[in-house]
Amino acid sequence: IMMHGMAGLFHFSKWIRQIHNYLTATLGINVWISYAIFILATLLIS
């Protein structure tokens, strides 16, 4: 079960990278703004 959870975290990190690449490469958002969006999302989810 522990390693199933670890696999989920790795999938989640790939998903986050894809979102970051979409924001920066496709939408042209500045890298630092993308980081700020993730920080804000983390705070709101918490």
PDB file of all heavy atoms in Angstrom:
ATOM      1  N   ILE A   1       0.836  -1.205   0.000  1.00  0.00           N
ATOM      2  CA  ILE A   1       0.000   0.000   0.000  1.00  0.00           C
ATOM      3  C   ILE A   1       0.870   1.255   0.000  1.00  0.00           C
ATOM      4  O   ILE A   1       0.573   2.235  -0.682  1.00  0.00           O
ATOM      5  CB  ILE A   1      -0.957  -0.011   1.211  1.00  0.00           C
ATOM      6  CG1 ILE A   1      -1.981  -1.128   1.037  1.00  0.00           C
ATOM      7  CG2 ILE A   1      -1.642   1.330   1.392  1.00  0.00           C
ATOM      8  CD1 ILE A   1      -2.870  -1.350   2.231  1.00  0.00           C
ATOM      9  N   MET A   2       1.967   1.210   0.741  1.00  0.00           N
ATOM     10  CA  MET A   2       2.883   2.353   0.826  1.00  0.00           C
ATOM     11  C   MET A   2       3.421   2.730  -0.554  1.00  0.00           C
ATOM     12  O   MET A   2       3.467   3.899  -0.917  1.00  0.00           O
ATOM     13  CB  MET A   2       4.035   2.013   1.770  1.00  0.00           C
ATOM     14  CG  MET A   2       5.047   3.104   1.881  1.00  0.00           C
ATOM     15  SD  MET A   2       4.469   4.374   2.962  1.00  0.00           S
ATOM     16  CE  MET A   2       5.780   4.356   4.135  1.00  0.00           C
ATOM     17  N   MET A   3       3.809   1.738  -1.336  1.00  0.00           N
ATOM     18  CA  MET A   3       4.377   2.020  -2.657  1.00  0.00           C
ATOM     19  C   MET A   3       3.294   2.402  -3.667  1.00  0.00           C
ATOM     20  O   MET A   3       3.568   3.136  -4.607  1.00  0.00           O
ATOM     21  CB  MET A   3       5.204   0.832  -3.156  1.00  0.00           C
ATOM     22  CG  MET A   3       6.483   0.646  -2.369  1.00  0.00           C
ATOM     23  SD  MET A   3       7.617   2.050  -2.508  1.00  0.00           S
ATOM     24  CE  MET A   3       7.603   2.713  -0.857  1.00  0.00           C
ATOM     25  N   HIS A   4       2.057   1.950  -3.446  1.00  0.00           N
ATOM     26  CA  HIS A   4       0.955   2.428  -4.283  1.00  0.00           C
ATOM     27  C   HIS A   4       0.782   3.928  -4.060  1.00  0.00           C
ATOM     28  O   HIS A   4       0.557   4.686  -5.006  1.00  0.00           O
ATOM     29  CB  HIS A   4      -0.350   1.701  -3.944  1.00  0.00           C
ATOM     30  CG  HIS A   4      -0.471   0.347  -4.563  1.00  0.00           C
ATOM     31  ND1 HIS A   4      -0.753   0.161  -5.896  1.00  0.00           N
ATOM     32  CD2 HIS A   4      -0.337  -0.891  -4.030  1.00  0.00           C
ATOM     33  CE1 HIS A   4      -0.797  -1.128  -6.154  1.00  0.00           C
ATOM     34  NE2 HIS A   4      -0.541  -1.791  -5.038  1.00  0.00           N
ATOM     35  N   GLY A   5       0.883   4.347  -2.800  1.00  0.00           N
ATOM     36  CA  GLY A   5       0.790   5.767  -2.477  1.00  0.00           C
ATOM     37  C   GLY A   5       1.931   6.557  -3.086  1.00  0.00           C
ATOM     38  O   GLY A   5       1.741   7.660  -3.606  1.00  0.00           O
ATOM     39  N   MET A   6       3.131   5.996  -3.045  1.00  0.00           N
ATOM     40  CA  MET A   6       4.290   6.654  -3.638  1.00  0.00           C
ATOM     41  C   MET A   6       4.090   6.823  -5.143  1.00  0.00           C
ATOM     42  O   MET A   6       4.415   7.868  -5.707  1.00  0.00           O
ATOM     43  CB  MET A   6       5.544   5.833  -3.359  1.00  0.00           C
ATOM     44  CG  MET A   6       6.816   6.484  -3.828  1.00  0.00           C
ATOM     45  SD  MET A   6       7.290   7.897  -2.861  1.00  0.00           S
ATOM     46  CE  MET A   6       8.081   7.076  -1.502  1.00  0.00           C
ATOM     47  N   ALA A   7       3.537   5.812  -5.789  1.00  0.00           N
ATOM     48  CA  ALA A   7       3.255   5.903  -7.220  1.00  0.00           C
ATOM     49  C   ALA A   7       2.276   7.037  -7.494  1.00  0.00           C
ATOM     50  O   ALA A   7       2.432   7.782  -8.467  1.00  0.00           O
ATOM     51  CB  ALA A   7       2.703   4.578  -7.736  1.00  0.00           C
ATOM     52  N   GLY A   8       1.283   7.164  -6.635  1.00  0.00           N
ATOM     53  CA  GLY A   8       0.318   8.257  -6.782  1.00  0.00           C
ATOM     54  C   GLY A   8       0.985   9.616  -6.686  1.00  0.00           C
ATOM     55  O   GLY A   8       0.655  10.531  -7.454  1.00  0.00           O
ATOM     56  N   LEU A   9       1.931   9.762  -5.765  1.00  0.00           N
ATOM     57  CA  LEU A   9       2.658  11.035  -5.643  1.00  0.00           C
ATOM     58  C   LEU A   9       3.472  11.335  -6.895  1.00  0.00           C
ATOM     59  O   LEU A   9       3.537  12.489  -7.333  1.00  0.00           O
ATOM     60  CB  LEU A   9       3.575  11.007  -4.417  1.00  0.00           C
ATOM     61  CG  LEU A   9       2.887  11.075  -3.064  1.00  0.00           C
ATOM     62  CD1 LEU A   9       3.907  10.910  -1.942  1.00  0.00           C
ATOM     63  CD2 LEU A   9       2.138  12.388  -2.905  1.00  0.00           C
ATOM     64  N   PHE A  10       4.075  10.324  -7.486  1.00  0.00           N
ATOM     65  CA  PHE A  10       4.842  10.533  -8.704  1.00  0.00           C
ATOM     66  C   PHE A  10       3.924  10.933  -9.862  1.00  0.00           C
ATOM     67  O   PHE A  10       4.276  11.790 -10.666  1.00  0.00           O
ATOM     68  CB  PHE A  10       5.659   9.286  -9.060  1.00  0.00           C
ATOM     69  CG  PHE A  10       6.976   9.216  -8.359  1.00  0.00           C
ATOM     70  CD1 PHE A  10       7.043   9.022  -6.986  1.00  0.00           C
ATOM     71  CD2 PHE A  10       8.162   9.341  -9.044  1.00  0.00           C
ATOM     72  CE1 PHE A  10       8.250   8.947  -6.311  1.00  0.00           C
ATOM     73  CE2 PHE A  10       9.379   9.268  -8.396  1.00  0.00           C
ATOM     74  CZ  PHE A  10       9.424   9.080  -7.028  1.00  0.00           C
ATOM     75  N   HIS A  11       2.741  10.317  -9.941  1.00  0.00           N
ATOM     76  CA  HIS A  11       1.765  10.709 -10.966  1.00  0.00           C
ATOM     77  C   HIS A  11       1.324  12.152 -10.737  1.00  0.00           C
ATOM     78  O   HIS A  11       1.175  12.919 -11.685  1.00  0.00           O
ATOM     79  CB  HIS A  11       0.542   9.789 -10.939  1.00  0.00           C
ATOM     80  CG  HIS A  11       0.749   8.490 -11.629  1.00  0.00           C
ATOM     81  ND1 HIS A  11       1.004   8.376 -12.975  1.00  0.00           N
ATOM     82  CD2 HIS A  11       0.741   7.220 -11.147  1.00  0.00           C
ATOM     83  CE1 HIS A  11       1.135   7.107 -13.296  1.00  0.00           C
ATOM     84  NE2 HIS A  11       0.987   6.382 -12.205  1.00  0.00           N
ATOM     85  N   PHE A  12       1.101  12.508  -9.486  1.00  0.00           N
ATOM     86  CA  PHE A  12       0.682  13.866  -9.136  1.00  0.00           C
ATOM     87  C   PHE A  12       1.754  14.882  -9.535  1.00  0.00           C
ATOM     88  O   PHE A  12       1.440  15.937 -10.080  1.00  0.00           O
ATOM     89  CB  PHE A  12       0.380  13.944  -7.635  1.00  0.00           C
ATOM     90  CG  PHE A  12      -0.152  15.268  -7.186  1.00  0.00           C
ATOM     91  CD1 PHE A  12      -1.380  15.724  -7.640  1.00  0.00           C
ATOM     92  CD2 PHE A  12       0.576  16.052  -6.311  1.00  0.00           C
ATOM     93  CE1 PHE A  12      -1.874  16.948  -7.228  1.00  0.00           C
ATOM     94  CE2 PHE A  12       0.091  17.280  -5.888  1.00  0.00           C
ATOM     95  CZ  PHE A  12      -1.139  17.732  -6.353  1.00  0.00           C
ATOM     96  N   SER A  13       3.019  14.546  -9.307  1.00  0.00           N
ATOM     97  CA  SER A  13       4.092  15.473  -9.672  1.00  0.00           C
ATOM     98  C   SER A  13       4.172  15.648 -11.183  1.00  0.00           C
ATOM     99  O   SER A  13       4.442  16.749 -11.674  1.00  0.00           O
ATOM    100  CB  SER A  13       5.440  15.016  -9.112  1.00  0.00           C
ATOM    101  OG  SER A  13       5.905  13.872  -9.785  1.00  0.00           O
ATOM    102  N   LYS A  14       3.920  14.582 -11.937  1.00  0.00           N
ATOM    103  CA  LYS A  14       3.902  14.702 -13.403  1.00  0.00           C
ATOM    104  C   LYS A  14       2.751  15.604 -13.838  1.00  0.00           C
ATOM    105  O   LYS A  14       2.903  16.436 -14.729  1.00  0.00           O
ATOM    106  CB  LYS A  14       3.782  13.320 -14.049  1.00  0.00           C
ATOM    107  CG  LYS A  14       3.845  13.358 -15.563  1.00  0.00           C
ATOM    108  CD  LYS A  14       3.762  11.985 -16.180  1.00  0.00           C
ATOM    109  CE  LYS A  14       3.840  12.072 -17.691  1.00  0.00           C
ATOM    110  NZ  LYS A  14       3.695  10.768 -18.322  1.00  0.00           N
ATOM    111  N   TRP A  15       1.627  15.465 -13.186  1.00  0.00           N
ATOM    112  CA  TRP A  15       0.457  16.287 -13.493  1.00  0.00           C
ATOM    113  C   TRP A  15       0.767  17.761 -13.213  1.00  0.00           C
ATOM    114  O   TRP A  15       0.423  18.634 -14.006  1.00  0.00           O
ATOM    115  CB  TRP A  15      -0.725  15.779 -12.665  1.00  0.00           C
ATOM    116  CG  TRP A  15      -2.010  16.473 -12.896  1.00  0.00           C
ATOM    117  CD1 TRP A  15      -2.802  16.402 -14.002  1.00  0.00           C
ATOM    118  CD2 TRP A  15      -2.676  17.346 -11.983  1.00  0.00           C
ATOM    119  NE1 TRP A  15      -3.913  17.174 -13.836  1.00  0.00           N
ATOM    120  CE2 TRP A  15      -3.859  17.764 -12.595  1.00  0.00           C
ATOM    121  CE3 TRP A  15      -2.380  17.803 -10.696  1.00  0.00           C
ATOM    122  CZ2 TRP A  15      -4.748  18.635 -11.979  1.00  0.00           C
ATOM    123  CZ3 TRP A  15      -3.263  18.662 -10.090  1.00  0.00           C
ATOM    124  CH2 TRP A  15      -4.435  19.066 -10.725  1.00  0.00           C
ATOM    125  N   ILE A  16       1.429  18.044 -12.107  1.00  0.00           N
ATOM    126  CA  ILE A  16       1.796  19.419 -11.760  1.00  0.00           C
ATOM    127  C   ILE A  16       2.758  19.988 -12.804  1.00  0.00           C
ATOM    128  O   ILE A  16       2.623  21.144 -13.230  1.00  0.00           O
ATOM    129  CB  ILE A  16       2.403  19.487 -10.343  1.00  0.00           C
ATOM    130  CG1 ILE A  16       1.294  19.276  -9.307  1.00  0.00           C
ATOM    131  CG2 ILE A  16       3.115  20.813 -10.100  1.00  0.00           C
ATOM    132  CD1 ILE A  16       1.779  19.173  -7.890  1.00  0.00           C
ATOM    133  N   ARG A  17       3.743  19.192 -13.236  1.00  0.00           N
ATOM    134  CA  ARG A  17       4.671  19.655 -14.281  1.00  0.00           C
ATOM    135  C   ARG A  17       3.934  19.967 -15.569  1.00  0.00           C
ATOM    136  O   ARG A  17       4.246  20.948 -16.256  1.00  0.00           O
ATOM    137  CB  ARG A  17       5.746  18.595 -14.539  1.00  0.00           C
ATOM    138  CG  ARG A  17       6.881  18.604 -13.563  1.00  0.00           C
ATOM    139  CD  ARG A  17       8.068  17.758 -14.062  1.00  0.00           C
ATOM    140  NE  ARG A  17       7.697  16.418 -14.467  1.00  0.00           N
ATOM    141  CZ  ARG A  17       7.716  15.350 -13.676  1.00  0.00           C
ATOM    142  NH1 ARG A  17       8.097  15.465 -12.432  1.00  0.00           N
ATOM    143  NH2 ARG A  17       7.365  14.172 -14.139  1.00  0.00           N
ATOM    144  N   GLN A  18       2.943  19.141 -15.920  1.00  0.00           N
ATOM    145  CA  GLN A  18       2.180  19.380 -17.141  1.00  0.00           C
ATOM    146  C   GLN A  18       1.389  20.684 -17.046  1.00  0.00           C
ATOM    147  O   GLN A  18       1.320  21.443 -18.011  1.00  0.00           O
ATOM    148  CB  GLN A  18       1.252  18.206 -17.426  1.00  0.00           C
ATOM    149  CG  GLN A  18       1.966  16.964 -17.874  1.00  0.00           C
ATOM    150  CD  GLN A  18       1.045  15.763 -17.996  1.00  0.00           C
ATOM    151  OE1 GLN A  18      -0.024  15.712 -17.404  1.00  0.00           O
ATOM    152  NE2 GLN A  18       1.479  14.763 -18.755  1.00  0.00           N
ATOM    153  N   ILE A  19       0.801  20.930 -15.887  1.00  0.00           N
ATOM    154  CA  ILE A  19       0.060  22.183 -15.697  1.00  0.00           C
ATOM    155  C   ILE A  19       1.016  23.370 -15.781  1.00  0.00           C
ATOM    156  O   ILE A  19       0.721  24.376 -16.445  1.00  0.00           O
ATOM    157  CB  ILE A  19      -0.695  22.180 -14.348  1.00  0.00           C
ATOM    158  CG1 ILE A  19      -1.828  21.172 -14.387  1.00  0.00           C
ATOM    159  CG2 ILE A  19      -1.239  23.573 -14.023  1.00  0.00           C
ATOM    160  CD1 ILE A  19      -2.521  20.967 -13.065  1.00  0.00           C
ATOM    161  N   HIS A  20       2.166  23.268 -15.125  1.00  0.00           N
ATOM    162  CA  HIS A  20       3.158  24.347 -15.175  1.00  0.00           C
ATOM    163  C   HIS A  20       3.600  24.607 -16.619  1.00  0.00           C
ATOM    164  O   HIS A  20       3.672  25.765 -17.051  1.00  0.00           O
ATOM    165  CB  HIS A  20       4.357  23.986 -14.298  1.00  0.00           C
ATOM    166  CG  HIS A  20       5.478  24.964 -14.387  1.00  0.00           C
ATOM    167  ND1 HIS A  20       5.408  26.217 -13.808  1.00  0.00           N
ATOM    168  CD2 HIS A  20       6.691  24.887 -14.977  1.00  0.00           C
ATOM    169  CE1 HIS A  20       6.533  26.865 -14.045  1.00  0.00           C
ATOM    170  NE2 HIS A  20       7.323  26.072 -14.751  1.00  0.00           N
ATOM    171  N   ASN A  21       3.878  23.544 -17.376  1.00  0.00           N
ATOM    172  CA  ASN A  21       4.278  23.711 -18.779  1.00  0.00           C
ATOM    173  C   ASN A  21       3.166  24.333 -19.608  1.00  0.00           C
ATOM    174  O   ASN A  21       3.425  25.150 -20.485  1.00  0.00           O
ATOM    175  CB  ASN A  21       4.703  22.371 -19.385  1.00  0.00           C
ATOM    176  CG  ASN A  21       6.025  21.893 -18.843  1.00  0.00           C
ATOM    177  OD1 ASN A  21       6.826  22.670 -18.349  1.00  0.00           O
ATOM    178  ND2 ASN A  21       6.253  20.590 -18.902  1.00  0.00           N
ATOM    179  N   TYR A  22       1.921  23.950 -19.332  1.00  0.00           N
ATOM    180  CA  TYR A  22       0.783  24.542 -20.043  1.00  0.00           C
ATOM    181  C   TYR A  22       0.692  26.037 -19.748  1.00  0.00           C
ATOM    182  O   TYR A  22       0.514  26.844 -20.661  1.00  0.00           O
ATOM    183  CB  TYR A  22      -0.518  23.832 -19.648  1.00  0.00           C
ATOM    184  CG  TYR A  22      -1.747  24.470 -20.246  1.00  0.00           C
ATOM    185  CD1 TYR A  22      -2.068  24.266 -21.586  1.00  0.00           C
ATOM    186  CD2 TYR A  22      -2.586  25.276 -19.476  1.00  0.00           C
ATOM    187  CE1 TYR A  22      -3.185  24.854 -22.150  1.00  0.00           C
ATOM    188  CE2 TYR A  22      -3.699  25.869 -20.027  1.00  0.00           C
ATOM    189  CZ  TYR A  22      -4.002  25.666 -21.365  1.00  0.00           C
ATOM    190  OH  TYR A  22      -5.098  26.259 -21.917  1.00  0.00           O
ATOM    191  N   LEU A  23       0.815  26.392 -18.473  1.00  0.00           N
ATOM    192  CA  LEU A  23       0.716  27.807 -18.093  1.00  0.00           C
ATOM    193  C   LEU A  23       1.832  28.643 -18.713  1.00  0.00           C
ATOM    194  O   LEU A  23       1.581  29.752 -19.203  1.00  0.00           O
ATOM    195  CB  LEU A  23       0.757  27.953 -16.562  1.00  0.00           C
ATOM    196  CG  LEU A  23      -0.447  27.414 -15.788  1.00  0.00           C
ATOM    197  CD1 LEU A  23      -0.190  27.488 -14.288  1.00  0.00           C
ATOM    198  CD2 LEU A  23      -1.707  28.179 -16.156  1.00  0.00           C
ATOM    199  N   THR A  24       3.046  28.104 -18.698  1.00  0.00           N
ATOM    200  CA  THR A  24       4.189  28.892 -19.175  1.00  0.00           C
ATOM    201  C   THR A  24       4.370  28.819 -20.695  1.00  0.00           C
ATOM    202  O   THR A  24       4.586  29.841 -21.333  1.00  0.00           O
ATOM    203  CB  THR A  24       5.486  28.456 -18.477  1.00  0.00           C
ATOM    204  OG1 THR A  24       5.686  27.070 -18.684  1.00  0.00           O
ATOM    205  CG2 THR A  24       5.420  28.767 -16.996  1.00  0.00           C
ATOM    206  N   ALA A  25       4.306  27.617 -21.263  1.00  0.00           N
ATOM    207  CA  ALA A  25       4.587  27.466 -22.694  1.00  0.00           C
ATOM    208  C   ALA A  25       3.382  27.790 -23.568  1.00  0.00           C
ATOM    209  O   ALA A  25       3.505  28.502 -24.564  1.00  0.00           O
ATOM    210  CB  ALA A  25       5.071  26.050 -22.984  1.00  0.00           C
ATOM    211  N   THR A  26       2.224  27.283 -23.193  1.00  0.00           N
ATOM    212  CA  THR A  26       1.046  27.466 -24.035  1.00  0.00           C
ATOM    213  C   THR A  26       0.397  28.828 -23.814  1.00  0.00           C
ATOM    214  O   THR A  26       0.093  29.541 -24.775  1.00  0.00           O
ATOM    215  CB  THR A  26       0.011  26.355 -23.767  1.00  0.00           C
ATOM    216  OG1 THR A  26       0.656  25.087 -23.929  1.00  0.00           O
ATOM    217  CG2 THR A  26      -1.163  26.451 -24.725  1.00  0.00           C
ATOM    218  N   LEU A  27       0.179  29.188 -22.546  1.00  0.00           N
ATOM    219  CA  LEU A  27      -0.486  30.461 -22.253  1.00  0.00           C
ATOM    220  C   LEU A  27       0.483  31.639 -22.161  1.00  0.00           C
ATOM    221  O   LEU A  27       0.053  32.793 -22.139  1.00  0.00           O
ATOM    222  CB  LEU A  27      -1.280  30.346 -20.945  1.00  0.00           C
ATOM    223  CG  LEU A  27      -2.410  29.309 -20.930  1.00  0.00           C
ATOM    224  CD1 LEU A  27      -3.115  29.317 -19.591  1.00  0.00           C
ATOM    225  CD2 LEU A  27      -3.395  29.562 -22.063  1.00  0.00           C
ATOM    226  N   GLY A  28       1.774  31.356 -22.076  1.00  0.00           N
ATOM    227  CA  GLY A  28       2.772  32.416 -22.043  1.00  0.00           C
ATOM    228  C   GLY A  28       2.873  33.142 -20.713  1.00  0.00           C
ATOM    229  O   GLY A  28       3.388  34.254 -20.646  1.00  0.00           O
ATOM    230  N   ILE A  29       2.410  32.504 -19.645  1.00  0.00           N
ATOM    231  CA  ILE A  29       2.487  33.114 -18.318  1.00  0.00           C
ATOM    232  C   ILE A  29       3.929  33.028 -17.818  1.00  0.00           C
ATOM    233  O   ILE A  29       4.606  32.028 -18.023  1.00  0.00           O
ATOM    234  CB  ILE A  29       1.521  32.395 -17.343  1.00  0.00           C
ATOM    235  CG1 ILE A  29       0.076  32.649 -17.767  1.00  0.00           C
ATOM    236  CG2 ILE A  29       1.736  32.837 -15.903  1.00  0.00           C
ATOM    237  CD1 ILE A  29      -0.951  31.883 -16.969  1.00  0.00           C
ATOM    238  N   ASN A  30       4.375  34.077 -17.163  1.00  0.00           N
ATOM    239  CA  ASN A  30       5.714  34.102 -16.591  1.00  0.00           C
ATOM    240  C   ASN A  30       5.884  32.962 -15.594  1.00  0.00           C
ATOM    241  O   ASN A  30       4.956  32.616 -14.872  1.00  0.00           O
ATOM    242  CB  ASN A  30       5.941  35.462 -15.909  1.00  0.00           C
ATOM    243  CG  ASN A  30       7.346  35.605 -15.365  1.00  0.00           C
ATOM    244  OD1 ASN A  30       7.699  34.950 -14.387  1.00  0.00           O
ATOM    245  ND2 ASN A  30       8.126  36.451 -16.004  1.00  0.00           N
ATOM    246  N   VAL A  31       7.087  32.395 -15.548  1.00  0.00           N
ATOM    247  CA  VAL A  31       7.379  31.266 -14.670  1.00  0.00           C
ATOM    248  C   VAL A  31       7.064  31.613 -13.216  1.00  0.00           C
ATOM    249  O   VAL A  31       6.471  30.808 -12.486  1.00  0.00           O
ATOM    250  CB  VAL A  31       8.859  30.839 -14.823  1.00  0.00           C
ATOM    251  CG1 VAL A  31       9.244  29.812 -13.781  1.00  0.00           C
ATOM    252  CG2 VAL A  31       9.115  30.298 -16.214  1.00  0.00           C
ATOM    253  N   TRP A  32       7.436  32.798 -12.779  1.00  0.00           N
ATOM    254  CA  TRP A  32       7.225  33.184 -11.383  1.00  0.00           C
ATOM    255  C   TRP A  32       5.741  33.342 -11.061  1.00  0.00           C
ATOM    256  O   TRP A  32       5.308  33.051  -9.949  1.00  0.00           O
ATOM    257  CB  TRP A  32       8.001  34.461 -11.052  1.00  0.00           C
ATOM    258  CG  TRP A  32       9.471  34.188 -11.062  1.00  0.00           C
ATOM    259  CD1 TRP A  32      10.370  34.538 -12.033  1.00  0.00           C
ATOM    260  CD2 TRP A  32      10.199  33.440 -10.096  1.00  0.00           C
ATOM    261  NE1 TRP A  32      11.619  34.062 -11.726  1.00  0.00           N
ATOM    262  CE2 TRP A  32      11.546  33.395 -10.535  1.00  0.00           C
ATOM    263  CE3 TRP A  32       9.865  32.800  -8.906  1.00  0.00           C
ATOM    264  CZ2 TRP A  32      12.542  32.734  -9.815  1.00  0.00           C
ATOM    265  CZ3 TRP A  32      10.868  32.159  -8.201  1.00  0.00           C
ATOM    266  CH2 TRP A  32      12.191  32.128  -8.654  1.00  0.00           C
ATOM    267  N   ILE A  33       4.968  33.768 -12.039  1.00  0.00           N
ATOM    268  CA  ILE A  33       3.511  33.860 -11.827  1.00  0.00           C
ATOM    269  C   ILE A  33       2.923  32.458 -11.701  1.00  0.00           C
ATOM    270  O   ILE A  33       2.042  32.209 -10.878  1.00  0.00           O
ATOM    271  CB  ILE A  33       2.838  34.666 -12.963  1.00  0.00           C
ATOM    272  CG1 ILE A  33       3.309  36.126 -12.901  1.00  0.00           C
ATOM    273  CG2 ILE A  33       1.326  34.579 -12.872  1.00  0.00           C
ATOM    274  CD1 ILE A  33       2.847  36.983 -14.049  1.00  0.00           C
ATOM    275  N   SER A  34       3.445  31.519 -12.507  1.00  0.00           N
ATOM    276  CA  SER A  34       3.005  30.133 -12.396  1.00  0.00           C
ATOM    277  C   SER A  34       3.311  29.591 -11.003  1.00  0.00           C
ATOM    278  O   SER A  34       2.470  28.936 -10.387  1.00  0.00           O
ATOM    279  CB  SER A  34       3.692  29.269 -13.458  1.00  0.00           C
ATOM    280  OG  SER A  34       3.378  27.916 -13.279  1.00  0.00           O
ATOM    281  N   TYR A  35       4.514  29.872 -10.492  1.00  0.00           N
ATOM    282  CA  TYR A  35       4.864  29.451  -9.134  1.00  0.00           C
ATOM    283  C   TYR A  35       3.915  30.066  -8.119  1.00  0.00           C
ATOM    284  O   TYR A  35       3.475  29.397  -7.177  1.00  0.00           O
ATOM    285  CB  TYR A  35       6.303  29.840  -8.791  1.00  0.00           C
ATOM    286  CG  TYR A  35       7.369  29.119  -9.568  1.00  0.00           C
ATOM    287  CD1 TYR A  35       8.628  29.684  -9.721  1.00  0.00           C
ATOM    288  CD2 TYR A  35       7.140  27.869 -10.153  1.00  0.00           C
ATOM    289  CE1 TYR A  35       9.630  29.028 -10.422  1.00  0.00           C
ATOM    290  CE2 TYR A  35       8.131  27.221 -10.856  1.00  0.00           C
ATOM    291  CZ  TYR A  35       9.375  27.809 -10.991  1.00  0.00           C
ATOM    292  OH  TYR A  35      10.356  27.163 -11.684  1.00  0.00           O
ATOM    293  N   ALA A  36       3.590  31.344  -8.308  1.00  0.00           N
ATOM    294  CA  ALA A  36       2.676  32.034  -7.383  1.00  0.00           C
ATOM    295  C   ALA A  36       1.295  31.383  -7.411  1.00  0.00           C
ATOM    296  O   ALA A  36       0.641  31.242  -6.373  1.00  0.00           O
ATOM    297  CB  ALA A  36       2.586  33.508  -7.733  1.00  0.00           C
ATOM    298  N   ILE A  37       0.850  30.956  -8.588  1.00  0.00           N
ATOM    299  CA  ILE A  37      -0.448  30.272  -8.708  1.00  0.00           C
ATOM    300  C   ILE A  37      -0.430  28.969  -7.917  1.00  0.00           C
ATOM    301  O   ILE A  37      -1.378  28.655  -7.187  1.00  0.00           O
ATOM    302  CB  ILE A  37      -0.795  30.023 -10.193  1.00  0.00           C
ATOM    303  CG1 ILE A  37      -1.107  31.356 -10.893  1.00  0.00           C
ATOM    304  CG2 ILE A  37      -1.963  29.049 -10.332  1.00  0.00           C
ATOM    305  CD1 ILE A  37      -1.210  31.252 -12.408  1.00  0.00           C
ATOM    306  N   PHE A  38       0.668  28.216  -8.020  1.00  0.00           N
ATOM    307  CA  PHE A  38       0.772  26.962  -7.272  1.00  0.00           C
ATOM    308  C   PHE A  38       0.844  27.208  -5.764  1.00  0.00           C
ATOM    309  O   PHE A  38       0.259  26.467  -4.985  1.00  0.00           O
ATOM    310  CB  PHE A  38       1.980  26.145  -7.737  1.00  0.00           C
ATOM    311  CG  PHE A  38       1.730  25.387  -9.009  1.00  0.00           C
ATOM    312  CD1 PHE A  38       2.306  25.791 -10.198  1.00  0.00           C
ATOM    313  CD2 PHE A  38       0.899  24.274  -9.021  1.00  0.00           C
ATOM    314  CE1 PHE A  38       2.070  25.098 -11.371  1.00  0.00           C
ATOM    315  CE2 PHE A  38       0.655  23.571 -10.185  1.00  0.00           C
ATOM    316  CZ  PHE A  38       1.243  23.996 -11.373  1.00  0.00           C
ATOM    317  N   ILE A  39       1.540  28.249  -5.358  1.00  0.00           N
ATOM    318  CA  ILE A  39       1.607  28.592  -3.933  1.00  0.00           C
ATOM    319  C   ILE A  39       0.226  28.952  -3.420  1.00  0.00           C
ATOM    320  O   ILE A  39      -0.211  28.472  -2.366  1.00  0.00           O
ATOM    321  CB  ILE A  39       2.620  29.733  -3.690  1.00  0.00           C
ATOM    322  CG1 ILE A  39       4.035  29.226  -3.940  1.00  0.00           C
ATOM    323  CG2 ILE A  39       2.485  30.297  -2.274  1.00  0.00           C
ATOM    324  CD1 ILE A  39       5.086  30.324  -4.004  1.00  0.00           C
ATOM    325  N   LEU A  40      -0.474  29.783  -4.170  1.00  0.00           N
ATOM    326  CA  LEU A  40      -1.824  30.181  -3.776  1.00  0.00           C
ATOM    327  C   LEU A  40      -2.756  28.973  -3.727  1.00  0.00           C
ATOM    328  O   LEU A  40      -3.533  28.820  -2.777  1.00  0.00           O
ATOM    329  CB  LEU A  40      -2.358  31.239  -4.744  1.00  0.00           C
ATOM    330  CG  LEU A  40      -3.738  31.808  -4.439  1.00  0.00           C
ATOM    331  CD1 LEU A  40      -3.730  32.508  -3.077  1.00  0.00           C
ATOM    332  CD2 LEU A  40      -4.170  32.760  -5.530  1.00  0.00           C
ATOM    333  N   ALA A  41      -2.675  28.094  -4.716  1.00  0.00           N
ATOM    334  CA  ALA A  41      -3.516  26.890  -4.737  1.00  0.00           C
ATOM    335  C   ALA A  41      -3.202  26.006  -3.533  1.00  0.00           C
ATOM    336  O   ALA A  41      -4.119  25.460  -2.898  1.00  0.00           O
ATOM    337  CB  ALA A  41      -3.305  26.122  -6.036  1.00  0.00           C
ATOM    338  N   THR A  42      -1.923  25.872  -3.195  1.00  0.00           N
ATOM    339  CA  THR A  42      -1.530  25.067  -2.031  1.00  0.00           C
ATOM    340  C   THR A  42      -2.109  25.645  -0.752  1.00  0.00           C
ATOM    341  O   THR A  42      -2.641  24.911   0.098  1.00  0.00           O
ATOM    342  CB  THR A  42       0.011  24.987  -1.934  1.00  0.00           C
ATOM    343  OG1 THR A  42       0.510  24.411  -3.140  1.00  0.00           O
ATOM    344  CG2 THR A  42       0.440  24.142  -0.747  1.00  0.00           C
ATOM    345  N   LEU A  43      -2.015  26.962  -0.596  1.00  0.00           N
ATOM    346  CA  LEU A  43      -2.569  27.615   0.594  1.00  0.00           C
ATOM    347  C   LEU A  43      -4.081  27.451   0.681  1.00  0.00           C
ATOM    348  O   LEU A  43      -4.615  27.138   1.752  1.00  0.00           O
ATOM    349  CB  LEU A  43      -2.184  29.095   0.620  1.00  0.00           C
ATOM    350  CG  LEU A  43      -0.718  29.409   0.874  1.00  0.00           C
ATOM    351  CD1 LEU A  43      -0.464  30.891   0.678  1.00  0.00           C
ATOM    352  CD2 LEU A  43      -0.321  28.960   2.263  1.00  0.00           C
ATOM    353  N   LEU A  44      -4.776  27.629  -0.441  1.00  0.00           N
ATOM    354  CA  LEU A  44      -6.229  27.506  -0.429  1.00  0.00           C
ATOM    355  C   LEU A  44      -6.677  26.071  -0.142  1.00  0.00           C
ATOM    356  O   LEU A  44      -7.620  25.851   0.618  1.00  0.00           O
ATOM    357  CB  LEU A  44      -6.807  27.981  -1.766  1.00  0.00           C
ATOM    358  CG  LEU A  44      -6.707  29.488  -2.020  1.00  0.00           C
ATOM    359  CD1 LEU A  44      -7.195  29.824  -3.436  1.00  0.00           C
ATOM    360  CD2 LEU A  44      -7.479  30.269  -0.985  1.00  0.00           C
ATOM    361  N   ILE A  45      -5.997  25.111  -0.736  1.00  0.00           N
ATOM    362  CA  ILE A  45      -6.339  23.707  -0.472  1.00  0.00           C
ATOM    363  C   ILE A  45      -6.070  23.365   0.988  1.00  0.00           C
ATOM    364  O   ILE A  45      -6.875  22.688   1.636  1.00  0.00           O
ATOM    365  CB  ILE A  45      -5.556  22.767  -1.415  1.00  0.00           C
ATOM    366  CG1 ILE A  45      -6.083  22.922  -2.844  1.00  0.00           C
ATOM    367  CG2 ILE A  45      -5.661  21.316  -0.959  1.00  0.00           C
ATOM    368  CD1 ILE A  45      -5.222  22.252  -3.909  1.00  0.00           C
ATOM    369  N   SER A  46      -4.963  23.867   1.552  1.00  0.00           N
ATOM    370  CA  SER A  46      -4.643  23.630   2.957  1.00  0.00           C
ATOM    371  C   SER A  46      -5.698  24.233   3.868  1.00  0.00           C
ATOM    372  O   SER A  46      -6.117  23.599   4.842  1.00  0.00           O
ATOM    373  CB  SER A  46      -3.276  24.218   3.301  1.00  0.00           C
ATOM    374  OG  SER A  46      -2.278  23.605   2.536  1.00  0.00           O
TER     375      SER A  46
END
